[in-house]
Amino acid sequence: MTRSNAAALVLAFGFASCAVYEKKQPVESDEGVVMAYVDAWNKHDTAAIETLLARDGVHEDLAQNFRGRGPKEVNAFMRGLIAAEPDYKWTVTNTLEDGRYIVLEWTWKGSFTGADPTGKQVKSRPTSGRGSSVVEIDNGRIRRFTDYYDDASFFR
């Protein structure tokens, strides 16, 4: 092999290697994005919500009659939940992924202070319950996150 052929081979290999590394690879799977979102809630990490929720993404909590659009509204909702239940723990127990949709089954535990579903004021009342969420992912961000559960069952 001549020097010029060797140089050409090294140069070609270098270009090929760069082409492989330039391919856009997803940082996380869609399920990974959803799990990071739940983790951000558990850590009260509003900055992470900014990176995981699409700019106009929607988080709905039907039991709480909440529908927030964008990270700013979702973070305000999170701060309200932190004030009422600062020790909450949201645990995903099962997932099902179909295309850009992910369904979660989960549990939630915490100590609640405020008006319970009957209107009675409680302080540090243990709560726990189960629910599910349907999540739509678009381009590695949450487009829609909808929670389904019976709020009153958390206080039984």
N, C-alpha and C. Protein backbone atom coordinates (compact mmCIF):
# COMPACT_ATOMS: atom_id res chain seq x y z
N MET A 1 0.85 -1.16 0.00
CA MET A 1 0.00 0.00 0.00
C MET A 1 0.90 1.24 0.00
N THR A 2 0.59 2.14 -0.87
CA THR A 2 1.40 3.36 -0.95
C THR A 2 0.96 4.33 0.14
N ARG A 3 1.83 5.32 0.34
CA ARG A 3 1.53 6.34 1.33
C ARG A 3 0.23 7.09 1.00
N SER A 4 0.04 7.41 -0.25
CA SER A 4 -1.15 8.17 -0.63
C SER A 4 -2.41 7.32 -0.46
N ASN A 5 -2.29 6.00 -0.75
CA ASN A 5 -3.45 5.12 -0.53
C ASN A 5 -3.76 4.99 0.95
N ALA A 6 -2.72 4.87 1.77
CA ALA A 6 -2.91 4.78 3.22
C ALA A 6 -3.54 6.05 3.75
N ALA A 7 -3.08 7.20 3.28
CA ALA A 7 -3.64 8.47 3.72
C ALA A 7 -5.10 8.58 3.30
N ALA A 8 -5.40 8.15 2.10
CA ALA A 8 -6.78 8.19 1.61
C ALA A 8 -7.67 7.27 2.45
N LEU A 9 -7.14 6.10 2.82
CA LEU A 9 -7.90 5.15 3.63
C LEU A 9 -8.18 5.73 5.02
N VAL A 10 -7.18 6.32 5.63
CA VAL A 10 -7.35 6.93 6.95
C VAL A 10 -8.36 8.07 6.87
N LEU A 11 -8.26 8.90 5.84
CA LEU A 11 -9.18 10.02 5.65
C LEU A 11 -10.61 9.51 5.45
N ALA A 12 -10.77 8.48 4.63
CA ALA A 12 -12.10 7.91 4.38
C ALA A 12 -12.68 7.34 5.66
N PHE A 13 -11.86 6.65 6.45
CA PHE A 13 -12.32 6.08 7.72
C PHE A 13 -12.75 7.20 8.67
N GLY A 14 -11.98 8.26 8.67
CA GLY A 14 -12.32 9.41 9.54
C GLY A 14 -13.66 10.01 9.17
N PHE A 15 -13.92 10.19 7.88
CA PHE A 15 -15.20 10.74 7.43
C PHE A 15 -16.34 9.78 7.77
N ALA A 16 -16.13 8.50 7.56
CA ALA A 16 -17.16 7.50 7.86
C ALA A 16 -17.46 7.49 9.36
N SER A 17 -16.44 7.58 10.17
CA SER A 17 -16.64 7.60 11.62
C SER A 17 -17.44 8.81 12.04
N CYS A 18 -17.13 9.96 11.47
CA CYS A 18 -17.86 11.18 11.81
C CYS A 18 -19.32 11.07 11.39
N ALA A 19 -19.56 10.45 10.25
CA ALA A 19 -20.94 10.29 9.78
C ALA A 19 -21.74 9.44 10.76
N VAL A 20 -21.13 8.41 11.29
CA VAL A 20 -21.82 7.56 12.25
C VAL A 20 -22.13 8.34 13.51
N TYR A 21 -21.22 9.14 14.02
CA TYR A 21 -21.43 9.89 15.25
C TYR A 21 -22.37 11.07 15.05
N GLU A 22 -22.51 11.55 13.80
CA GLU A 22 -23.40 12.67 13.55
C GLU A 22 -24.86 12.25 13.50
N LYS A 23 -25.15 10.97 13.35
CA LYS A 23 -26.52 10.52 13.36
C LYS A 23 -27.17 10.91 14.67
N LYS A 24 -28.36 11.46 14.59
CA LYS A 24 -29.05 11.87 15.80
C LYS A 24 -29.65 10.65 16.49
N GLN A 25 -29.15 10.33 17.64
CA GLN A 25 -29.65 9.21 18.43
C GLN A 25 -30.48 9.77 19.58
N PRO A 26 -31.63 9.16 19.87
CA PRO A 26 -32.41 9.65 21.01
C PRO A 26 -31.63 9.45 22.30
N VAL A 27 -31.66 10.48 23.13
CA VAL A 27 -30.97 10.41 24.41
C VAL A 27 -31.66 9.40 25.31
N GLU A 28 -32.98 9.41 25.29
CA GLU A 28 -33.76 8.50 26.11
C GLU A 28 -34.89 7.94 25.28
N SER A 29 -35.39 6.80 25.66
CA SER A 29 -36.59 6.26 25.04
C SER A 29 -37.78 7.11 25.46
N ASP A 30 -38.90 6.94 24.78
CA ASP A 30 -40.10 7.67 25.19
C ASP A 30 -40.49 7.30 26.62
N GLU A 31 -40.36 6.02 26.95
CA GLU A 31 -40.66 5.59 28.32
C GLU A 31 -39.69 6.25 29.30
N GLY A 32 -38.44 6.41 28.89
CA GLY A 32 -37.45 7.07 29.74
C GLY A 32 -37.82 8.52 30.02
N VAL A 33 -38.39 9.19 29.02
CA VAL A 33 -38.83 10.58 29.20
C VAL A 33 -39.94 10.62 30.25
N VAL A 34 -40.89 9.69 30.14
CA VAL A 34 -42.01 9.65 31.08
C VAL A 34 -41.51 9.35 32.49
N MET A 35 -40.59 8.40 32.61
CA MET A 35 -40.07 8.06 33.93
C MET A 35 -39.28 9.23 34.52
N ALA A 36 -38.57 9.97 33.69
CA ALA A 36 -37.85 11.16 34.15
C ALA A 36 -38.83 12.23 34.64
N TYR A 37 -39.99 12.32 33.99
CA TYR A 37 -41.02 13.28 34.39
C TYR A 37 -41.56 12.93 35.78
N VAL A 38 -41.87 11.65 35.99
CA VAL A 38 -42.34 11.21 37.32
C VAL A 38 -41.25 11.47 38.36
N ASP A 39 -40.02 11.17 38.01
CA ASP A 39 -38.90 11.41 38.92
C ASP A 39 -38.77 12.90 39.25
N ALA A 40 -38.97 13.75 38.26
CA ALA A 40 -38.92 15.20 38.49
C ALA A 40 -40.00 15.63 39.49
N TRP A 41 -41.18 15.04 39.37
CA TRP A 41 -42.24 15.33 40.34
C TRP A 41 -41.82 14.89 41.73
N ASN A 42 -41.27 13.69 41.84
CA ASN A 42 -40.85 13.19 43.15
C ASN A 42 -39.75 14.03 43.77
N LYS A 43 -38.91 14.61 42.94
CA LYS A 43 -37.81 15.45 43.45
C LYS A 43 -38.19 16.92 43.53
N HIS A 44 -39.44 17.23 43.17
CA HIS A 44 -39.92 18.63 43.15
C HIS A 44 -39.04 19.48 42.25
N ASP A 45 -38.62 18.91 41.12
CA ASP A 45 -37.65 19.52 40.22
C ASP A 45 -38.35 20.25 39.07
N THR A 46 -38.69 21.51 39.32
CA THR A 46 -39.39 22.29 38.30
C THR A 46 -38.53 22.54 37.07
N ALA A 47 -37.22 22.62 37.23
CA ALA A 47 -36.34 22.83 36.08
C ALA A 47 -36.41 21.64 35.12
N ALA A 48 -36.51 20.43 35.66
CA ALA A 48 -36.60 19.25 34.80
C ALA A 48 -37.92 19.25 34.02
N ILE A 49 -38.99 19.73 34.64
CA ILE A 49 -40.28 19.80 33.95
C ILE A 49 -40.13 20.66 32.69
N GLU A 50 -39.36 21.73 32.79
CA GLU A 50 -39.11 22.62 31.64
C GLU A 50 -38.50 21.87 30.46
N THR A 51 -37.68 20.88 30.73
CA THR A 51 -37.00 20.16 29.64
C THR A 51 -37.78 18.94 29.15
N LEU A 52 -38.71 18.43 29.94
CA LEU A 52 -39.43 17.21 29.59
C LEU A 52 -40.80 17.46 28.97
N LEU A 53 -41.44 18.55 29.33
CA LEU A 53 -42.76 18.89 28.81
C LEU A 53 -42.59 19.81 27.61
N ALA A 54 -43.30 19.51 26.53
CA ALA A 54 -43.27 20.38 25.35
C ALA A 54 -43.73 21.78 25.75
N ARG A 55 -43.26 22.76 25.03
CA ARG A 55 -43.58 24.17 25.34
C ARG A 55 -45.08 24.38 25.52
N ASP A 56 -45.88 23.75 24.65
CA ASP A 56 -47.33 23.86 24.76
C ASP A 56 -47.96 22.55 25.22
N GLY A 57 -47.15 21.69 25.86
CA GLY A 57 -47.64 20.40 26.37
C GLY A 57 -48.67 20.60 27.47
N VAL A 58 -49.55 19.63 27.60
CA VAL A 58 -50.64 19.71 28.56
C VAL A 58 -50.49 18.62 29.60
N HIS A 59 -50.67 18.98 30.87
CA HIS A 59 -50.78 18.01 31.95
C HIS A 59 -52.17 18.19 32.53
N GLU A 60 -52.93 17.09 32.53
CA GLU A 60 -54.27 17.11 33.09
C GLU A 60 -54.32 16.19 34.30
N ASP A 61 -54.91 16.66 35.37
CA ASP A 61 -55.19 15.85 36.54
C ASP A 61 -56.69 15.97 36.73
N LEU A 62 -57.41 14.98 36.18
CA LEU A 62 -58.87 15.08 36.14
C LEU A 62 -59.48 15.11 37.53
N ALA A 63 -58.94 14.35 38.47
CA ALA A 63 -59.49 14.32 39.83
C ALA A 63 -59.34 15.67 40.53
N GLN A 64 -58.30 16.42 40.20
CA GLN A 64 -58.07 17.74 40.80
C GLN A 64 -58.66 18.87 39.96
N ASN A 65 -59.35 18.51 38.86
CA ASN A 65 -59.92 19.49 37.94
C ASN A 65 -58.85 20.48 37.44
N PHE A 66 -57.67 19.93 37.13
CA PHE A 66 -56.56 20.76 36.66
C PHE A 66 -56.24 20.42 35.21
N ARG A 67 -56.04 21.46 34.43
CA ARG A 67 -55.54 21.33 33.06
C ARG A 67 -54.57 22.47 32.83
N GLY A 68 -53.28 22.14 32.82
CA GLY A 68 -52.26 23.15 32.64
C GLY A 68 -51.57 23.00 31.29
N ARG A 69 -51.30 24.13 30.66
CA ARG A 69 -50.60 24.13 29.37
C ARG A 69 -49.24 24.77 29.56
N GLY A 70 -48.21 24.00 29.24
CA GLY A 70 -46.85 24.50 29.31
C GLY A 70 -46.24 24.32 30.69
N PRO A 71 -44.91 24.33 30.73
CA PRO A 71 -44.20 24.10 32.00
C PRO A 71 -44.55 25.09 33.11
N LYS A 72 -44.79 26.33 32.78
CA LYS A 72 -45.08 27.34 33.81
C LYS A 72 -46.35 26.98 34.60
N GLU A 73 -47.42 26.60 33.91
CA GLU A 73 -48.67 26.24 34.58
C GLU A 73 -48.53 24.93 35.35
N VAL A 74 -47.81 23.96 34.76
CA VAL A 74 -47.62 22.67 35.42
C VAL A 74 -46.78 22.85 36.69
N ASN A 75 -45.74 23.67 36.61
CA ASN A 75 -44.91 23.91 37.79
C ASN A 75 -45.69 24.61 38.90
N ALA A 76 -46.61 25.49 38.56
CA ALA A 76 -47.44 26.15 39.57
C ALA A 76 -48.34 25.10 40.25
N PHE A 77 -48.88 24.18 39.48
CA PHE A 77 -49.70 23.09 40.03
C PHE A 77 -48.85 22.22 40.96
N MET A 78 -47.63 21.90 40.52
CA MET A 78 -46.73 21.09 41.34
C MET A 78 -46.45 21.79 42.67
N ARG A 79 -46.17 23.08 42.64
CA ARG A 79 -45.90 23.81 43.89
C ARG A 79 -47.08 23.75 44.85
N GLY A 80 -48.30 23.80 44.32
CA GLY A 80 -49.49 23.67 45.15
C GLY A 80 -49.59 22.30 45.80
N LEU A 81 -49.26 21.25 45.05
CA LEU A 81 -49.27 19.90 45.61
C LEU A 81 -48.17 19.73 46.65
N ILE A 82 -47.03 20.34 46.41
CA ILE A 82 -45.93 20.26 47.39
C ILE A 82 -46.36 20.92 48.70
N ALA A 83 -47.06 22.04 48.60
CA ALA A 83 -47.51 22.74 49.81
C ALA A 83 -48.50 21.88 50.61
N ALA A 84 -49.36 21.15 49.91
CA ALA A 84 -50.37 20.33 50.59
C ALA A 84 -49.85 18.97 51.02
N GLU A 85 -48.88 18.45 50.27
CA GLU A 85 -48.40 17.09 50.51
C GLU A 85 -46.90 17.00 50.20
N PRO A 86 -46.07 17.63 51.04
CA PRO A 86 -44.65 17.76 50.72
C PRO A 86 -43.87 16.45 50.65
N ASP A 87 -44.39 15.40 51.23
CA ASP A 87 -43.66 14.13 51.25
C ASP A 87 -44.20 13.10 50.26
N TYR A 88 -45.00 13.56 49.27
CA TYR A 88 -45.60 12.58 48.37
C TYR A 88 -44.54 11.76 47.64
N LYS A 89 -44.94 10.55 47.32
CA LYS A 89 -44.09 9.64 46.55
C LYS A 89 -44.96 9.01 45.47
N TRP A 90 -44.59 9.26 44.22
CA TRP A 90 -45.32 8.75 43.05
C TRP A 90 -44.50 7.60 42.50
N THR A 91 -45.07 6.40 42.48
CA THR A 91 -44.34 5.20 42.07
C THR A 91 -45.04 4.53 40.91
N VAL A 92 -44.33 4.38 39.81
CA VAL A 92 -44.88 3.68 38.64
C VAL A 92 -44.74 2.18 38.90
N THR A 93 -45.86 1.46 38.74
CA THR A 93 -45.86 0.01 38.99
C THR A 93 -45.94 -0.80 37.70
N ASN A 94 -46.38 -0.18 36.61
CA ASN A 94 -46.49 -0.90 35.35
C ASN A 94 -46.56 0.11 34.20
N THR A 95 -46.04 -0.29 33.05
CA THR A 95 -46.11 0.57 31.87
C THR A 95 -46.50 -0.25 30.66
N LEU A 96 -47.12 0.41 29.71
CA LEU A 96 -47.46 -0.18 28.42
C LEU A 96 -47.19 0.89 27.37
N GLU A 97 -46.40 0.55 26.39
CA GLU A 97 -46.04 1.52 25.35
C GLU A 97 -46.58 1.04 24.01
N ASP A 98 -47.20 1.96 23.28
CA ASP A 98 -47.71 1.66 21.95
C ASP A 98 -47.46 2.88 21.08
N GLY A 99 -46.40 2.82 20.29
CA GLY A 99 -46.05 3.97 19.46
C GLY A 99 -45.65 5.14 20.31
N ARG A 100 -46.28 6.26 20.08
CA ARG A 100 -45.92 7.45 20.85
C ARG A 100 -46.74 7.61 22.13
N TYR A 101 -47.55 6.59 22.46
CA TYR A 101 -48.37 6.62 23.67
C TYR A 101 -47.83 5.66 24.71
N ILE A 102 -47.86 6.10 25.95
CA ILE A 102 -47.43 5.27 27.08
C ILE A 102 -48.52 5.36 28.14
N VAL A 103 -48.88 4.21 28.68
CA VAL A 103 -49.86 4.14 29.76
C VAL A 103 -49.12 3.69 31.01
N LEU A 104 -49.37 4.40 32.09
CA LEU A 104 -48.76 4.06 33.38
C LEU A 104 -49.83 3.61 34.36
N GLU A 105 -49.48 2.64 35.18
CA GLU A 105 -50.21 2.35 36.40
C GLU A 105 -49.29 2.79 37.52
N TRP A 106 -49.86 3.40 38.57
CA TRP A 106 -49.00 3.94 39.61
C TRP A 106 -49.69 3.95 40.97
N THR A 107 -48.88 4.17 41.98
CA THR A 107 -49.37 4.41 43.34
C THR A 107 -48.86 5.78 43.78
N TRP A 108 -49.55 6.34 44.75
CA TRP A 108 -49.20 7.65 45.30
C TRP A 108 -49.40 7.56 46.81
N LYS A 109 -48.41 8.00 47.56
CA LYS A 109 -48.51 8.03 49.03
C LYS A 109 -48.00 9.37 49.52
N GLY A 110 -48.56 9.81 50.62
CA GLY A 110 -48.07 11.05 51.21
C GLY A 110 -48.84 11.40 52.47
N SER A 111 -48.55 12.57 53.00
CA SER A 111 -49.23 13.12 54.17
C SER A 111 -49.85 14.44 53.75
N PHE A 112 -51.17 14.52 53.77
CA PHE A 112 -51.90 15.65 53.21
C PHE A 112 -52.36 16.62 54.29
N THR A 113 -52.19 17.91 54.01
CA THR A 113 -52.71 18.97 54.87
C THR A 113 -53.56 19.88 54.01
N GLY A 114 -54.79 20.11 54.45
CA GLY A 114 -55.72 20.96 53.69
C GLY A 114 -57.12 20.40 53.78
N ALA A 115 -57.97 20.82 52.85
CA ALA A 115 -59.35 20.33 52.83
C ALA A 115 -59.40 19.00 52.10
N ASP A 116 -59.93 17.97 52.79
CA ASP A 116 -60.06 16.67 52.14
C ASP A 116 -61.26 16.72 51.19
N PRO A 117 -61.56 15.63 50.48
CA PRO A 117 -62.67 15.67 49.51
C PRO A 117 -64.03 16.00 50.12
N THR A 118 -64.20 15.82 51.44
CA THR A 118 -65.47 16.17 52.09
C THR A 118 -65.48 17.63 52.56
N GLY A 119 -64.34 18.30 52.43
CA GLY A 119 -64.25 19.69 52.88
C GLY A 119 -63.67 19.84 54.27
N LYS A 120 -63.46 18.73 54.96
CA LYS A 120 -62.91 18.77 56.32
C LYS A 120 -61.42 19.11 56.26
N GLN A 121 -60.98 20.03 57.14
CA GLN A 121 -59.57 20.39 57.22
C GLN A 121 -58.81 19.29 57.96
N VAL A 122 -57.76 18.80 57.36
CA VAL A 122 -56.93 17.77 57.97
C VAL A 122 -55.48 18.24 57.98
N LYS A 123 -54.70 17.66 58.88
CA LYS A 123 -53.28 18.02 58.94
C LYS A 123 -52.46 16.73 58.95
N SER A 124 -51.52 16.63 58.01
CA SER A 124 -50.62 15.48 57.88
C SER A 124 -51.37 14.15 57.84
N ARG A 125 -52.49 14.15 57.17
CA ARG A 125 -53.30 12.93 57.04
C ARG A 125 -52.66 11.99 56.04
N PRO A 126 -52.35 10.76 56.45
CA PRO A 126 -51.78 9.79 55.50
C PRO A 126 -52.76 9.51 54.36
N THR A 127 -52.27 9.55 53.16
CA THR A 127 -53.07 9.24 51.98
C THR A 127 -52.32 8.23 51.13
N SER A 128 -53.08 7.45 50.41
CA SER A 128 -52.47 6.55 49.43
C SER A 128 -53.54 6.12 48.45
N GLY A 129 -53.10 5.81 47.26
CA GLY A 129 -54.05 5.36 46.26
C GLY A 129 -53.35 4.92 45.00
N ARG A 130 -54.18 4.48 44.08
CA ARG A 130 -53.69 4.01 42.78
C ARG A 130 -54.36 4.79 41.67
N GLY A 131 -53.67 4.86 40.56
CA GLY A 131 -54.24 5.52 39.41
C GLY A 131 -53.52 5.10 38.15
N SER A 132 -53.89 5.76 37.07
CA SER A 132 -53.22 5.51 35.80
C SER A 132 -53.10 6.83 35.05
N SER A 133 -52.19 6.84 34.11
CA SER A 133 -51.96 8.03 33.28
C SER A 133 -51.76 7.58 31.85
N VAL A 134 -52.23 8.41 30.93
CA VAL A 134 -51.99 8.21 29.51
C VAL A 134 -51.12 9.37 29.06
N VAL A 135 -50.02 9.03 28.40
CA VAL A 135 -49.03 10.04 28.03
C VAL A 135 -48.78 9.96 26.52
N GLU A 136 -48.73 11.11 25.90
CA GLU A 136 -48.37 11.20 24.49
C GLU A 136 -47.01 11.90 24.38
N ILE A 137 -46.10 11.27 23.67
CA ILE A 137 -44.76 11.81 23.48
C ILE A 137 -44.62 12.26 22.03
N ASP A 138 -43.98 13.40 21.83
CA ASP A 138 -43.71 13.91 20.48
C ASP A 138 -42.31 14.50 20.46
N ASN A 139 -41.44 13.95 19.64
CA ASN A 139 -40.06 14.44 19.52
C ASN A 139 -39.33 14.48 20.86
N GLY A 140 -39.51 13.44 21.67
CA GLY A 140 -38.78 13.35 22.92
C GLY A 140 -39.30 14.23 24.04
N ARG A 141 -40.48 14.82 23.85
CA ARG A 141 -41.09 15.67 24.88
C ARG A 141 -42.53 15.24 25.11
N ILE A 142 -43.02 15.53 26.29
CA ILE A 142 -44.40 15.18 26.62
C ILE A 142 -45.34 16.20 25.99
N ARG A 143 -46.22 15.69 25.14
CA ARG A 143 -47.24 16.53 24.49
C ARG A 143 -48.50 16.59 25.36
N ARG A 144 -48.85 15.44 25.98
CA ARG A 144 -50.04 15.37 26.83
C ARG A 144 -49.81 14.32 27.90
N PHE A 145 -50.17 14.66 29.13
CA PHE A 145 -50.05 13.75 30.27
C PHE A 145 -51.36 13.88 31.04
N THR A 146 -52.17 12.81 31.04
CA THR A 146 -53.47 12.86 31.69
C THR A 146 -53.55 11.81 32.77
N ASP A 147 -53.86 12.26 34.01
CA ASP A 147 -53.99 11.37 35.17
C ASP A 147 -55.45 11.00 35.39
N TYR A 148 -55.68 9.71 35.71
CA TYR A 148 -57.01 9.19 36.00
C TYR A 148 -56.96 8.48 37.35
N TYR A 149 -57.75 8.94 38.31
CA TYR A 149 -57.85 8.28 39.62
C TYR A 149 -59.04 8.86 40.36
N ASP A 150 -59.42 8.19 41.43
CA ASP A 150 -60.52 8.64 42.29
C ASP A 150 -59.91 9.31 43.51
N ASP A 151 -59.99 10.62 43.57
CA ASP A 151 -59.38 11.40 44.66
C ASP A 151 -59.88 10.95 46.04
N ALA A 152 -61.17 10.72 46.16
CA ALA A 152 -61.74 10.36 47.47
C ALA A 152 -61.16 9.04 47.98
N SER A 153 -60.82 8.12 47.09
CA SER A 153 -60.29 6.83 47.53
C SER A 153 -58.94 6.97 48.24
N PHE A 154 -58.22 8.05 48.00
CA PHE A 154 -56.93 8.28 48.64
C PHE A 154 -57.09 8.61 50.13
N PHE A 155 -58.29 8.92 50.56
CA PHE A 155 -58.53 9.33 51.94
C PHE A 155 -59.28 8.28 52.75
N ARG A 156 -59.47 7.10 52.19
CA ARG A 156 -60.20 6.03 52.92
C ARG A 156 -59.32 5.39 53.94
